[in-house]
Protein backbone atom coordinates (compact mmCIF):
# COMPACT_ATOMS: atom_id res chain seq x y z
CA UNK A 1 -29.52 32.67 34.69
CA UNK A 2 -28.38 30.51 38.13
CA UNK A 3 -30.46 27.76 37.31
CA UNK A 4 -29.84 27.23 33.99
CA UNK A 5 -25.76 26.40 35.92
CA UNK A 6 -27.13 24.31 37.99
CA UNK A 7 -29.49 22.06 35.74
CA UNK A 8 -25.94 21.75 33.25
CA UNK A 9 -23.78 20.95 36.14
CA UNK A 10 -26.45 18.57 37.34
CA UNK A 11 -26.47 16.65 33.93
CA UNK A 12 -22.39 16.75 33.90
CA UNK A 13 -22.38 15.72 37.11
CA UNK A 14 -24.35 12.89 36.65
CA UNK A 15 -22.57 12.14 32.99
CA UNK A 16 -19.16 12.30 34.52
CA UNK A 17 -20.76 9.76 37.44
CA UNK A 18 -22.20 6.69 35.38
CA UNK A 19 -18.99 6.62 32.95
CA UNK A 20 -17.39 6.83 35.88
CA UNK A 21 -19.21 3.88 37.55
CA UNK A 22 -18.38 2.09 34.33
CA UNK A 23 -14.73 3.27 34.57
CA UNK A 24 -14.22 1.54 38.03
CA UNK A 25 -15.51 -2.43 36.66
CA UNK A 26 -11.93 -2.95 35.70
CA UNK A 27 -9.85 -0.14 37.48
CA UNK A 28 -8.50 0.77 41.17
CA UNK A 29 -11.39 3.63 42.47
CA UNK A 30 -8.04 5.90 44.16
CA UNK A 31 -6.86 5.90 40.29
CA UNK A 32 -10.17 6.08 38.79
CA UNK A 33 -11.02 9.27 40.90
CA UNK A 34 -7.14 11.03 39.82
CA UNK A 35 -7.84 10.53 36.44
CA UNK A 36 -10.79 12.24 36.77
CA UNK A 37 -9.27 15.60 38.22
CA UNK A 38 -6.75 14.89 35.49
CA UNK A 39 -8.49 14.86 32.44
CA UNK A 40 -10.23 17.56 33.45
CA UNK A 41 -7.29 20.06 33.95
CA UNK A 42 -7.19 20.99 30.21
CA UNK A 43 -10.27 22.73 29.52
CA UNK A 44 -10.06 24.53 33.01
CA UNK A 45 -6.95 26.01 31.98
CA UNK A 46 -7.51 27.00 28.78
CA UNK A 47 -10.71 29.08 30.59
CA UNK A 48 -7.86 30.29 32.67
CA UNK A 49 -6.52 32.38 30.13
CA UNK A 50 -9.21 34.23 29.48
CA UNK A 51 -10.08 35.08 32.77
CA UNK A 52 -7.82 37.93 34.89
CA UNK A 53 -6.72 36.79 38.24
CA UNK A 54 -8.36 38.84 41.14
CA UNK A 55 -7.39 40.26 44.34
CA UNK A 56 -6.76 37.28 46.92
CA UNK A 57 -7.14 38.36 50.88
CA UNK A 58 -6.24 36.04 53.70
CA UNK A 59 -10.10 34.76 54.25
CA UNK A 60 -9.96 33.16 50.72
CA UNK A 61 -6.21 31.27 51.45
CA UNK A 62 -7.81 30.78 54.95
CA UNK A 63 -10.70 28.81 53.43
CA UNK A 64 -9.08 27.51 50.59
CA UNK A 65 -6.24 25.49 53.07
CA UNK A 66 -10.16 24.35 55.42
CA UNK A 67 -11.60 23.15 52.36
CA UNK A 68 -9.21 21.08 50.71
CA UNK A 69 -8.22 18.78 52.88
CA UNK A 70 -11.99 17.98 53.49
CA UNK A 71 -12.49 17.35 49.74
CA UNK A 72 -9.93 15.00 49.44
CA UNK A 73 -11.97 12.76 52.18
CA UNK A 74 -14.91 13.41 49.55
CA UNK A 75 -13.12 12.09 46.91
CA UNK A 76 -12.44 8.75 48.53
CA UNK A 77 -16.15 8.29 49.63
CA UNK A 78 -17.63 9.34 46.47
CA UNK A 79 -16.04 7.20 44.60
CA UNK A 80 -16.02 3.64 46.96
CA UNK A 81 -19.81 4.28 46.96
CA UNK A 82 -19.64 3.96 43.12
CA UNK A 83 -18.15 0.90 43.08
CA UNK A 84 -19.22 -0.92 45.85
CA UNK A 85 -23.12 -0.41 45.71
CA UNK A 86 -25.71 0.58 42.55
CA UNK A 87 -25.87 4.56 41.41
CA UNK A 88 -30.03 4.20 41.90
CA UNK A 89 -29.27 3.69 46.31
CA UNK A 90 -25.94 6.15 46.46
CA UNK A 91 -26.81 9.04 44.36
CA UNK A 92 -30.02 9.66 45.93
CA UNK A 93 -27.95 10.49 49.78
CA UNK A 94 -26.48 13.51 47.95
CA UNK A 95 -30.09 14.91 48.93
CA UNK A 96 -29.91 15.36 52.25
CA UNK A 97 -26.39 18.21 51.86
CA UNK A 98 -29.24 21.13 50.80
CA UNK A 99 -31.54 20.57 53.79
CA UNK A 100 -28.25 20.55 56.26
CA UNK A 101 -27.10 23.67 54.17
CA UNK A 102 -29.74 25.74 54.98
CA UNK A 103 -28.92 26.13 58.33
CA UNK A 104 -25.18 25.54 58.08
CA UNK A 105 -25.10 28.59 55.05
CA UNK A 106 -26.92 30.32 57.72
CA UNK A 107 -23.96 29.89 60.51
CA UNK A 108 -20.84 30.22 57.84
CA UNK A 109 -22.11 32.58 54.91
CA UNK A 110 -25.17 34.17 56.83
CA UNK A 111 -28.00 33.69 54.07
CA UNK A 112 -31.80 32.67 54.21
CA UNK A 113 -34.13 30.83 53.03
CA UNK A 114 -37.63 31.92 52.74
CA UNK A 115 -40.50 29.22 53.39
CA UNK A 116 -41.39 28.34 50.04
CA UNK A 117 -37.24 27.78 49.24
CA UNK A 118 -37.08 25.72 52.12
CA UNK A 119 -40.72 23.13 51.38
CA UNK A 120 -39.09 22.69 48.21
CA UNK A 121 -35.44 21.62 49.88
CA UNK A 122 -37.43 19.79 52.52
CA UNK A 123 -39.62 17.77 49.27
CA UNK A 124 -36.48 17.45 46.99
CA UNK A 125 -34.71 15.44 51.12
CA UNK A 126 -38.49 13.59 51.06
CA UNK A 127 -37.87 12.20 47.34
CA UNK A 128 -34.93 10.68 48.17
CA UNK A 129 -36.10 8.79 50.97
CA UNK A 130 -39.00 7.25 49.24
CA UNK A 131 -36.36 6.44 46.19
CA UNK A 132 -36.45 3.02 48.50
CA UNK A 133 -39.94 2.74 48.27
CA UNK A 134 -39.68 -0.47 47.72
CA UNK A 135 -39.03 -1.03 51.22
CA UNK A 136 -41.78 0.66 53.11
CA UNK A 137 -43.74 -1.91 52.70
CA UNK A 138 -41.40 -3.82 54.91
CA UNK A 139 -42.30 -0.87 58.16
CA UNK A 140 -41.98 2.85 57.18
CA UNK A 141 -38.53 3.07 59.06
CA UNK A 142 -36.95 0.08 56.86
CA UNK A 143 -35.16 2.25 54.61
CA UNK A 144 -33.10 4.00 57.28
CA UNK A 145 -32.62 0.58 58.83
CA UNK A 146 -30.98 -0.40 55.97
CA UNK A 147 -28.67 1.94 55.03
CA UNK A 148 -25.96 0.50 57.52
CA UNK A 149 -26.31 -2.70 54.92
CA UNK A 150 -25.41 -0.85 51.70
CA UNK A 151 -21.97 0.25 51.82
CA UNK A 152 -22.06 2.79 49.27
CA UNK A 153 -25.02 4.43 51.11
CA UNK A 154 -23.11 5.03 54.00
CA UNK A 155 -19.94 6.24 52.40
CA UNK A 156 -22.05 8.89 50.07
CA UNK A 157 -24.17 10.01 53.60
CA UNK A 158 -20.53 10.90 54.83
CA UNK A 159 -19.97 12.86 51.29
CA UNK A 160 -23.64 14.74 51.85
CA UNK A 161 -22.61 15.88 55.26
CA UNK A 162 -19.18 16.97 54.46
CA UNK A 163 -20.32 18.75 51.21
CA UNK A 164 -22.66 21.00 53.38
CA UNK A 165 -19.18 22.18 54.59
CA UNK A 166 -17.26 22.70 51.87
CA UNK A 167 -19.80 23.84 49.95
CA UNK A 168 -20.59 26.73 52.11
CA UNK A 169 -16.53 27.71 52.14
CA UNK A 170 -16.42 27.69 48.52
CA UNK A 171 -19.26 30.43 48.20
CA UNK A 172 -16.72 32.43 50.80
CA UNK A 173 -14.00 31.44 49.08
CA UNK A 174 -16.02 32.99 45.22
CA UNK A 175 -16.66 36.28 47.11
CA UNK A 176 -12.88 36.43 47.98
CA UNK A 177 -11.83 36.55 44.15
CA UNK A 178 -14.10 34.99 41.22
CA UNK A 179 -15.92 31.59 40.17
CA UNK A 180 -13.77 30.44 37.29
CA UNK A 181 -10.89 31.33 39.43
CA UNK A 182 -10.77 29.68 42.11
CA UNK A 183 -12.73 26.44 41.05
CA UNK A 184 -9.24 26.53 39.24
CA UNK A 185 -6.97 26.92 40.86
CA UNK A 186 -9.54 24.40 43.90
CA UNK A 187 -9.07 21.90 40.87
CA UNK A 188 -5.07 21.80 39.98
CA UNK A 189 -4.38 21.83 44.06
CA UNK A 190 -6.80 18.70 44.82
CA UNK A 191 -4.96 16.97 42.35
CA UNK A 192 -1.31 17.78 42.91
CA UNK A 193 -2.78 16.68 46.88
CA UNK A 194 -4.53 13.82 45.93
CA UNK A 195 -1.67 12.16 43.36
CA UNK A 196 0.19 10.69 46.18
CA UNK A 197 -3.04 9.12 47.64
CA UNK A 198 -4.12 7.87 44.77
CA UNK A 199 -0.51 6.22 42.92
CA UNK A 200 0.00 4.19 46.53
CA UNK A 201 -3.11 2.79 47.31
CA UNK A 202 -3.53 1.76 43.30
CA UNK A 203 0.49 1.18 42.92
CA UNK A 204 -0.36 -3.13 42.49
CA UNK A 205 -2.32 -2.24 39.91
CA UNK A 206 -0.65 0.83 38.50
CA UNK A 207 1.70 -1.43 36.08
CA UNK A 208 -2.00 -2.89 34.26
CA UNK A 209 -3.97 -0.14 34.35
CA UNK A 210 -1.50 1.99 32.42
CA UNK A 211 -0.35 -1.58 30.36
CA UNK A 212 -4.37 -1.87 29.29
CA UNK A 213 -4.63 2.04 28.99
CA UNK A 214 -7.45 2.14 31.02
CA UNK A 215 -6.80 5.37 32.04
CA UNK A 216 -8.49 6.20 28.33
CA UNK A 217 -11.50 5.82 29.81
CA UNK A 218 -11.50 8.51 32.29
CA UNK A 219 -11.17 10.55 29.50
CA UNK A 220 -14.88 12.42 28.55
CA UNK A 221 -15.48 11.57 32.82
CA UNK A 222 -13.00 14.39 33.22
CA UNK A 223 -14.21 16.36 31.05
CA UNK A 224 -18.18 16.46 32.20
CA UNK A 225 -16.34 16.90 35.16
CA UNK A 226 -15.03 20.33 34.28
CA UNK A 227 -17.49 21.27 33.10
CA UNK A 228 -19.69 20.55 36.16
CA UNK A 229 -17.41 22.41 37.99
CA UNK A 230 -16.88 25.50 36.28
CA UNK A 231 -20.76 25.61 36.00
CA UNK A 232 -21.48 24.92 39.72
CA UNK A 233 -19.31 27.69 40.59
CA UNK A 234 -20.67 30.30 38.90
CA UNK A 235 -24.32 29.05 39.76
CA UNK A 236 -23.08 29.15 43.63
CA UNK A 237 -21.94 32.99 42.82
CA UNK A 238 -25.51 34.07 41.60
CA UNK A 239 -27.56 33.06 44.81
CA UNK A 240 -27.77 31.13 48.31
CA UNK A 241 -26.02 27.92 48.44
CA UNK A 242 -28.41 25.84 49.70
CA UNK A 243 -30.85 26.73 46.93
CA UNK A 244 -28.29 26.01 44.08
CA UNK A 245 -26.97 22.77 45.74
CA UNK A 246 -30.70 21.53 46.22
CA UNK A 247 -31.02 22.05 42.03
CA UNK A 248 -28.12 20.40 41.54
CA UNK A 249 -29.55 17.13 43.04
CA UNK A 250 -31.25 16.68 40.63
CA UNK A 251 -28.50 14.98 39.07
CA UNK A 252 -30.30 11.76 41.17
CA UNK A 253 -32.82 11.95 38.84
CA UNK A 254 -30.55 11.69 36.11
CA UNK A 255 -28.06 9.01 37.44
CA UNK A 256 -31.97 6.53 38.77
CA UNK A 257 -31.81 6.96 34.67
CA UNK A 258 -28.35 5.81 33.84
CA UNK A 259 -28.67 3.49 36.41
CA UNK A 260 -31.26 1.83 35.06
CA UNK A 261 -30.31 2.08 31.00
CA UNK A 262 -26.30 1.51 31.61
CA UNK A 263 -26.18 -0.64 34.05
CA UNK A 264 -29.73 -2.50 34.84
CA UNK A 265 -30.37 -1.36 38.26
CA UNK A 266 -33.80 -2.78 39.93
CA UNK A 267 -36.32 -1.29 41.52
CA UNK A 268 -35.88 1.82 39.12
CA UNK A 269 -40.36 2.18 38.43
CA UNK A 270 -40.68 2.42 42.38
CA UNK A 271 -38.22 5.46 42.63
CA UNK A 272 -39.66 7.43 40.61
CA UNK A 273 -42.44 8.97 43.39
CA UNK A 274 -39.36 9.69 44.74
CA UNK A 275 -38.29 11.55 41.69
CA UNK A 276 -41.84 13.28 41.17
CA UNK A 277 -41.35 14.79 44.75
CA UNK A 278 -38.00 15.90 43.62
CA UNK A 279 -39.06 17.72 40.66
CA UNK A 280 -41.48 19.79 42.83
CA UNK A 281 -38.82 20.35 45.05
CA UNK A 282 -37.14 22.23 42.76
CA UNK A 283 -40.20 24.04 40.87
CA UNK A 284 -40.61 25.27 44.45
CA UNK A 285 -37.32 26.44 44.82
CA UNK A 286 -36.68 28.21 41.54
CA UNK A 287 -40.32 29.92 42.38
CA UNK A 288 -39.33 30.91 45.58
CA UNK A 289 -37.02 34.08 44.58
């Protein structure tokens, strides 16, 4: 069942990102980021009515407090990456998260992946490398050399590294509460804490943002984001962190397709070799259990 939830999370994340990128064309990235969270809340609040409140302990509050500021940093980096660079070049770097999670989730949560699962995770990471296959004719290390030239890629690498810690912390918080309770309270807290930053950084464009009703473009991204978050936490509660995040990274393939069909991004055909490696890795991860 965790695979189904992870795939739902992958699809809704890619869809939310694509719709968010369209909204970013005319709007301040901080306001866009905040309103995506804001419009995710109604669906999550409805879910809250139907779930019991778990017994919370000190460990829950501790990891909650540590993860929250880290998550705010990733929000800023993530939304900047979506704005300044193509989806097909920024999203693939999220594939490095599961590789680092093999070690970080072991240190923080005590989870170990199988040999076959580890191979699958590394294939997904290799797919992210070959998504830049058009650069390899200039030298095998050329994709790495080109990373600093693409600001969005640099931002997304930072996001991927921080996600290693927030994903593991999220797993701990789930174990000390419940998947849906954690995601609902976490997103409420994120929306509240990120509001001062978003409205301050977007203060010069705030009038235009409301006058032209640009916030309407964030309703659908917010709804898809809420579904992603709920599916993410449910999947996380049913399997190991590294496995779940690696399957969720299939959103990269969906994101590449959105990049081509919605934004006419180039070099899409070359990147499907990377997509194939990711799919093989996905099969290995799923069959490793």
